[in-house]
Amino acid sequence: MKKLPVGIQTFSEIVTENYVYIDKTEHAHKLIESGKYYFLSRPRRFGDTRAFTPR
């Protein structure tokens, strides 16, 4: 059974270490080609950097 890439930050590590990867490129292409508007939400603070310390 493949491992889930929890906490893995690099695509190369996901591929070389045999983690689960689901390519959704085709789904994104279909959304773009449909010509409609979509609201794609994401979790609060998703993508924020955690590498700094507040002063």
PDB file of N, CA and C in Angstrom:
ATOM      1  N   MET A   1       0.847  -1.170   0.000  1.00  0.00           N
ATOM      2  CA  MET A   1       0.000   0.000   0.000  1.00  0.00           C
ATOM      3  C   MET A   1       0.900   1.244   0.000  1.00  0.00           C
ATOM      4  N   LYS A   2       0.542   2.222  -0.822  1.00  0.00           N
ATOM      5  CA  LYS A   2       1.310   3.461  -0.885  1.00  0.00           C
ATOM      6  C   LYS A   2       1.057   4.328   0.341  1.00  0.00           C
ATOM      7  N   LYS A   3       2.050   5.121   0.682  1.00  0.00           N
ATOM      8  CA  LYS A   3       1.960   6.017   1.833  1.00  0.00           C
ATOM      9  C   LYS A   3       1.289   7.324   1.416  1.00  0.00           C
ATOM     10  N   LEU A   4       0.626   7.966   2.372  1.00  0.00           N
ATOM     11  CA  LEU A   4       0.059   9.290   2.129  1.00  0.00           C
ATOM     12  C   LEU A   4       1.146  10.331   2.363  1.00  0.00           C
ATOM     13  N   PRO A   5       1.242  11.349   1.502  1.00  0.00           N
ATOM     14  CA  PRO A   5       2.321  12.340   1.602  1.00  0.00           C
ATOM     15  C   PRO A   5       2.043  13.443   2.624  1.00  0.00           C
ATOM     16  N   VAL A   6       1.763  13.074   3.855  1.00  0.00           N
ATOM     17  CA  VAL A   6       1.476  14.038   4.905  1.00  0.00           C
ATOM     18  C   VAL A   6       2.769  14.744   5.301  1.00  0.00           C
ATOM     19  N   GLY A   7       2.792  16.066   5.150  1.00  0.00           N
ATOM     20  CA  GLY A   7       3.965  16.852   5.508  1.00  0.00           C
ATOM     21  C   GLY A   7       5.051  16.888   4.449  1.00  0.00           C
ATOM     22  N   ILE A   8       4.886  16.211   3.333  1.00  0.00           N
ATOM     23  CA  ILE A   8       5.881  16.212   2.262  1.00  0.00           C
ATOM     24  C   ILE A   8       5.693  17.477   1.433  1.00  0.00           C
ATOM     25  N   GLN A   9       6.783  18.202   1.173  1.00  0.00           N
ATOM     26  CA  GLN A   9       6.695  19.490   0.501  1.00  0.00           C
ATOM     27  C   GLN A   9       7.174  19.471  -0.943  1.00  0.00           C
ATOM     28  N   THR A  10       7.880  18.433  -1.370  1.00  0.00           N
ATOM     29  CA  THR A  10       8.434  18.434  -2.719  1.00  0.00           C
ATOM     30  C   THR A  10       7.825  17.320  -3.563  1.00  0.00           C
ATOM     31  N   PHE A  11       7.535  17.653  -4.810  1.00  0.00           N
ATOM     32  CA  PHE A  11       6.968  16.682  -5.738  1.00  0.00           C
ATOM     33  C   PHE A  11       7.951  15.557  -5.997  1.00  0.00           C
ATOM     34  N   SER A  12       9.229  15.884  -6.100  1.00  0.00           N
ATOM     35  CA  SER A  12      10.224  14.842  -6.379  1.00  0.00           C
ATOM     36  C   SER A  12      10.259  13.791  -5.274  1.00  0.00           C
ATOM     37  N   GLU A  13      10.096  14.209  -4.033  1.00  0.00           N
ATOM     38  CA  GLU A  13      10.072  13.246  -2.931  1.00  0.00           C
ATOM     39  C   GLU A  13       8.816  12.382  -2.984  1.00  0.00           C
ATOM     40  N   ILE A  14       7.690  12.961  -3.353  1.00  0.00           N
ATOM     41  CA  ILE A  14       6.458  12.185  -3.494  1.00  0.00           C
ATOM     42  C   ILE A  14       6.641  11.085  -4.523  1.00  0.00           C
ATOM     43  N   VAL A  15       7.274  11.412  -5.647  1.00  0.00           N
ATOM     44  CA  VAL A  15       7.458  10.439  -6.721  1.00  0.00           C
ATOM     45  C   VAL A  15       8.507   9.394  -6.352  1.00  0.00           C
ATOM     46  N   THR A  16       9.656   9.831  -5.867  1.00  0.00           N
ATOM     47  CA  THR A  16      10.753   8.885  -5.611  1.00  0.00           C
ATOM     48  C   THR A  16      10.508   7.997  -4.400  1.00  0.00           C
ATOM     49  N   GLU A  17       9.742   8.472  -3.428  1.00  0.00           N
ATOM     50  CA  GLU A  17       9.492   7.690  -2.211  1.00  0.00           C
ATOM     51  C   GLU A  17       8.170   6.911  -2.287  1.00  0.00           C
ATOM     52  N   ASN A  18       7.545   6.885  -3.472  1.00  0.00           N
ATOM     53  CA  ASN A  18       6.348   6.080  -3.735  1.00  0.00           C
ATOM     54  C   ASN A  18       5.144   6.476  -2.869  1.00  0.00           C
ATOM     55  N   TYR A  19       4.916   7.777  -2.723  1.00  0.00           N
ATOM     56  CA  TYR A  19       3.736   8.271  -2.020  1.00  0.00           C
ATOM     57  C   TYR A  19       2.547   8.320  -2.981  1.00  0.00           C
ATOM     58  N   VAL A  20       1.345   8.406  -2.455  1.00  0.00           N
ATOM     59  CA  VAL A  20       0.143   8.543  -3.271  1.00  0.00           C
ATOM     60  C   VAL A  20       0.142   9.925  -3.898  1.00  0.00           C
ATOM     61  N   TYR A  21      -0.147   9.997  -5.205  1.00  0.00           N
ATOM     62  CA  TYR A  21      -0.270  11.279  -5.908  1.00  0.00           C
ATOM     63  C   TYR A  21      -1.431  11.175  -6.878  1.00  0.00           C
ATOM     64  N   ILE A  22      -2.365  12.110  -6.814  1.00  0.00           N
ATOM     65  CA  ILE A  22      -3.514  12.127  -7.712  1.00  0.00           C
ATOM     66  C   ILE A  22      -3.419  13.375  -8.575  1.00  0.00           C
ATOM     67  N   ASP A  23      -3.257  13.173  -9.871  1.00  0.00           N
ATOM     68  CA  ASP A  23      -3.125  14.277 -10.819  1.00  0.00           C
ATOM     69  C   ASP A  23      -4.516  14.750 -11.231  1.00  0.00           C
ATOM     70  N   LYS A  24      -4.855  15.997 -10.903  1.00  0.00           N
ATOM     71  CA  LYS A  24      -6.164  16.555 -11.232  1.00  0.00           C
ATOM     72  C   LYS A  24      -6.089  17.575 -12.361  1.00  0.00           C
ATOM     73  N   THR A  25      -5.024  17.503 -13.149  1.00  0.00           N
ATOM     74  CA  THR A  25      -4.835  18.439 -14.255  1.00  0.00           C
ATOM     75  C   THR A  25      -5.995  18.386 -15.244  1.00  0.00           C
ATOM     76  N   GLU A  26      -6.470  17.183 -15.562  1.00  0.00           N
ATOM     77  CA  GLU A  26      -7.568  17.044 -16.518  1.00  0.00           C
ATOM     78  C   GLU A  26      -8.839  17.718 -16.003  1.00  0.00           C
ATOM     79  N   HIS A  27      -9.099  17.609 -14.707  1.00  0.00           N
ATOM     80  CA  HIS A  27     -10.282  18.253 -14.121  1.00  0.00           C
ATOM     81  C   HIS A  27     -10.160  19.781 -14.203  1.00  0.00           C
ATOM     82  N   ALA A  28      -8.982  20.301 -13.925  1.00  0.00           N
ATOM     83  CA  ALA A  28      -8.770  21.751 -14.020  1.00  0.00           C
ATOM     84  C   ALA A  28      -8.956  22.219 -15.453  1.00  0.00           C
ATOM     85  N   HIS A  29      -8.450  21.451 -16.402  1.00  0.00           N
ATOM     86  CA  HIS A  29      -8.597  21.803 -17.822  1.00  0.00           C
ATOM     87  C   HIS A  29     -10.075  21.843 -18.219  1.00  0.00           C
ATOM     88  N   LYS A  30     -10.849  20.876 -17.758  1.00  0.00           N
ATOM     89  CA  LYS A  30     -12.284  20.855 -18.072  1.00  0.00           C
ATOM     90  C   LYS A  30     -12.994  22.079 -17.486  1.00  0.00           C
ATOM     91  N   LEU A  31     -12.625  22.477 -16.267  1.00  0.00           N
ATOM     92  CA  LEU A  31     -13.221  23.672 -15.667  1.00  0.00           C
ATOM     93  C   LEU A  31     -12.900  24.912 -16.486  1.00  0.00           C
ATOM     94  N   ILE A  32     -11.653  25.030 -16.913  1.00  0.00           N
ATOM     95  CA  ILE A  32     -11.220  26.194 -17.693  1.00  0.00           C
ATOM     96  C   ILE A  32     -11.927  26.234 -19.042  1.00  0.00           C
ATOM     97  N   GLU A  33     -12.029  25.096 -19.694  1.00  0.00           N
ATOM     98  CA  GLU A  33     -12.625  25.036 -21.031  1.00  0.00           C
ATOM     99  C   GLU A  33     -14.145  25.205 -21.018  1.00  0.00           C
ATOM    100  N   SER A  34     -14.793  24.992 -19.873  1.00  0.00           N
ATOM    101  CA  SER A  34     -16.249  25.073 -19.828  1.00  0.00           C
ATOM    102  C   SER A  34     -16.746  26.517 -19.963  1.00  0.00           C
ATOM    103  N   GLY A  35     -15.891  27.490 -19.639  1.00  0.00           N
ATOM    104  CA  GLY A  35     -16.249  28.882 -19.814  1.00  0.00           C
ATOM    105  C   GLY A  35     -17.160  29.450 -18.740  1.00  0.00           C
ATOM    106  N   LYS A  36     -17.337  28.734 -17.645  1.00  0.00           N
ATOM    107  CA  LYS A  36     -18.176  29.215 -16.560  1.00  0.00           C
ATOM    108  C   LYS A  36     -17.303  29.753 -15.435  1.00  0.00           C
ATOM    109  N   TYR A  37     -17.940  30.394 -14.465  1.00  0.00           N
ATOM    110  CA  TYR A  37     -17.229  30.916 -13.308  1.00  0.00           C
ATOM    111  C   TYR A  37     -17.370  29.940 -12.144  1.00  0.00           C
ATOM    112  N   TYR A  38     -16.294  29.771 -11.419  1.00  0.00           N
ATOM    113  CA  TYR A  38     -16.302  28.869 -10.266  1.00  0.00           C
ATOM    114  C   TYR A  38     -15.657  29.561  -9.078  1.00  0.00           C
ATOM    115  N   PHE A  39     -16.180  29.264  -7.907  1.00  0.00           N
ATOM    116  CA  PHE A  39     -15.570  29.745  -6.669  1.00  0.00           C
ATOM    117  C   PHE A  39     -14.836  28.566  -6.050  1.00  0.00           C
ATOM    118  N   LEU A  40     -13.519  28.647  -6.023  1.00  0.00           N
ATOM    119  CA  LEU A  40     -12.710  27.578  -5.446  1.00  0.00           C
ATOM    120  C   LEU A  40     -12.200  28.054  -4.096  1.00  0.00           C
ATOM    121  N   SER A  41     -12.792  27.521  -3.040  1.00  0.00           N
ATOM    122  CA  SER A  41     -12.375  27.939  -1.702  1.00  0.00           C
ATOM    123  C   SER A  41     -11.247  27.044  -1.210  1.00  0.00           C
ATOM    124  N   ARG A  42     -10.570  27.515  -0.192  1.00  0.00           N
ATOM    125  CA  ARG A  42      -9.518  26.726   0.432  1.00  0.00           C
ATOM    126  C   ARG A  42      -9.522  27.019   1.925  1.00  0.00           C
ATOM    127  N   PRO A  43      -8.906  26.141   2.713  1.00  0.00           N
ATOM    128  CA  PRO A  43      -8.929  26.353   4.164  1.00  0.00           C
ATOM    129  C   PRO A  43      -8.327  27.696   4.556  1.00  0.00           C
ATOM    130  N   ARG A  44      -8.810  28.236   5.653  1.00  0.00           N
ATOM    131  CA  ARG A  44      -8.303  29.510   6.160  1.00  0.00           C
ATOM    132  C   ARG A  44      -6.800  29.421   6.375  1.00  0.00           C
ATOM    133  N   ARG A  45      -6.079  30.430   5.954  1.00  0.00           N
ATOM    134  CA  ARG A  45      -4.626  30.551   6.088  1.00  0.00           C
ATOM    135  C   ARG A  45      -3.865  29.495   5.283  1.00  0.00           C
ATOM    136  N   PHE A  46      -4.515  28.860   4.340  1.00  0.00           N
ATOM    137  CA  PHE A  46      -3.869  27.861   3.501  1.00  0.00           C
ATOM    138  C   PHE A  46      -2.788  28.535   2.660  1.00  0.00           C
ATOM    139  N   GLY A  47      -1.601  28.011   2.701  1.00  0.00           N
ATOM    140  CA  GLY A  47      -0.508  28.553   1.911  1.00  0.00           C
ATOM    141  C   GLY A  47       0.286  29.632   2.612  1.00  0.00           C
ATOM    142  N   ASP A  48      -0.131  30.057   3.799  1.00  0.00           N
ATOM    143  CA  ASP A  48       0.642  31.060   4.546  1.00  0.00           C
ATOM    144  C   ASP A  48       1.962  30.460   4.994  1.00  0.00           C
ATOM    145  N   THR A  49       2.957  31.283   5.043  1.00  0.00           N
ATOM    146  CA  THR A  49       4.257  30.806   5.499  1.00  0.00           C
ATOM    147  C   THR A  49       4.283  30.701   7.025  1.00  0.00           C
ATOM    148  N   ARG A  50       4.929  29.702   7.502  1.00  0.00           N
ATOM    149  CA  ARG A  50       5.067  29.496   8.949  1.00  0.00           C
ATOM    150  C   ARG A  50       6.548  29.572   9.344  1.00  0.00           C
ATOM    151  N   ALA A  51       7.396  30.030   8.428  1.00  0.00           N
ATOM    152  CA  ALA A  51       8.836  30.019   8.625  1.00  0.00           C
ATOM    153  C   ALA A  51       9.364  31.270   9.337  1.00  0.00           C
ATOM    154  N   PHE A  52       8.496  32.157   9.767  1.00  0.00           N
ATOM    155  CA  PHE A  52       8.976  33.366  10.432  1.00  0.00           C
ATOM    156  C   PHE A  52       8.441  33.420  11.859  1.00  0.00           C
ATOM    157  N   THR A  53       9.093  34.195  12.667  1.00  0.00           N
ATOM    158  CA  THR A  53       8.628  34.388  14.043  1.00  0.00           C
ATOM    159  C   THR A  53       8.246  35.845  14.226  1.00  0.00           C
ATOM    160  N   PRO A  54       7.083  36.109  14.793  1.00  0.00           N
ATOM    161  CA  PRO A  54       6.671  37.503  15.003  1.00  0.00           C
ATOM    162  C   PRO A  54       7.575  38.220  16.022  1.00  0.00           C
ATOM    163  N   ARG A  55       7.714  39.502  15.863  1.00  0.00           N
ATOM    164  CA  ARG A  55       8.585  40.272  16.770  1.00  0.00           C
ATOM    165  C   ARG A  55       7.846  40.716  17.991  1.00  0.00           C
TER     166      ARG A  55
END
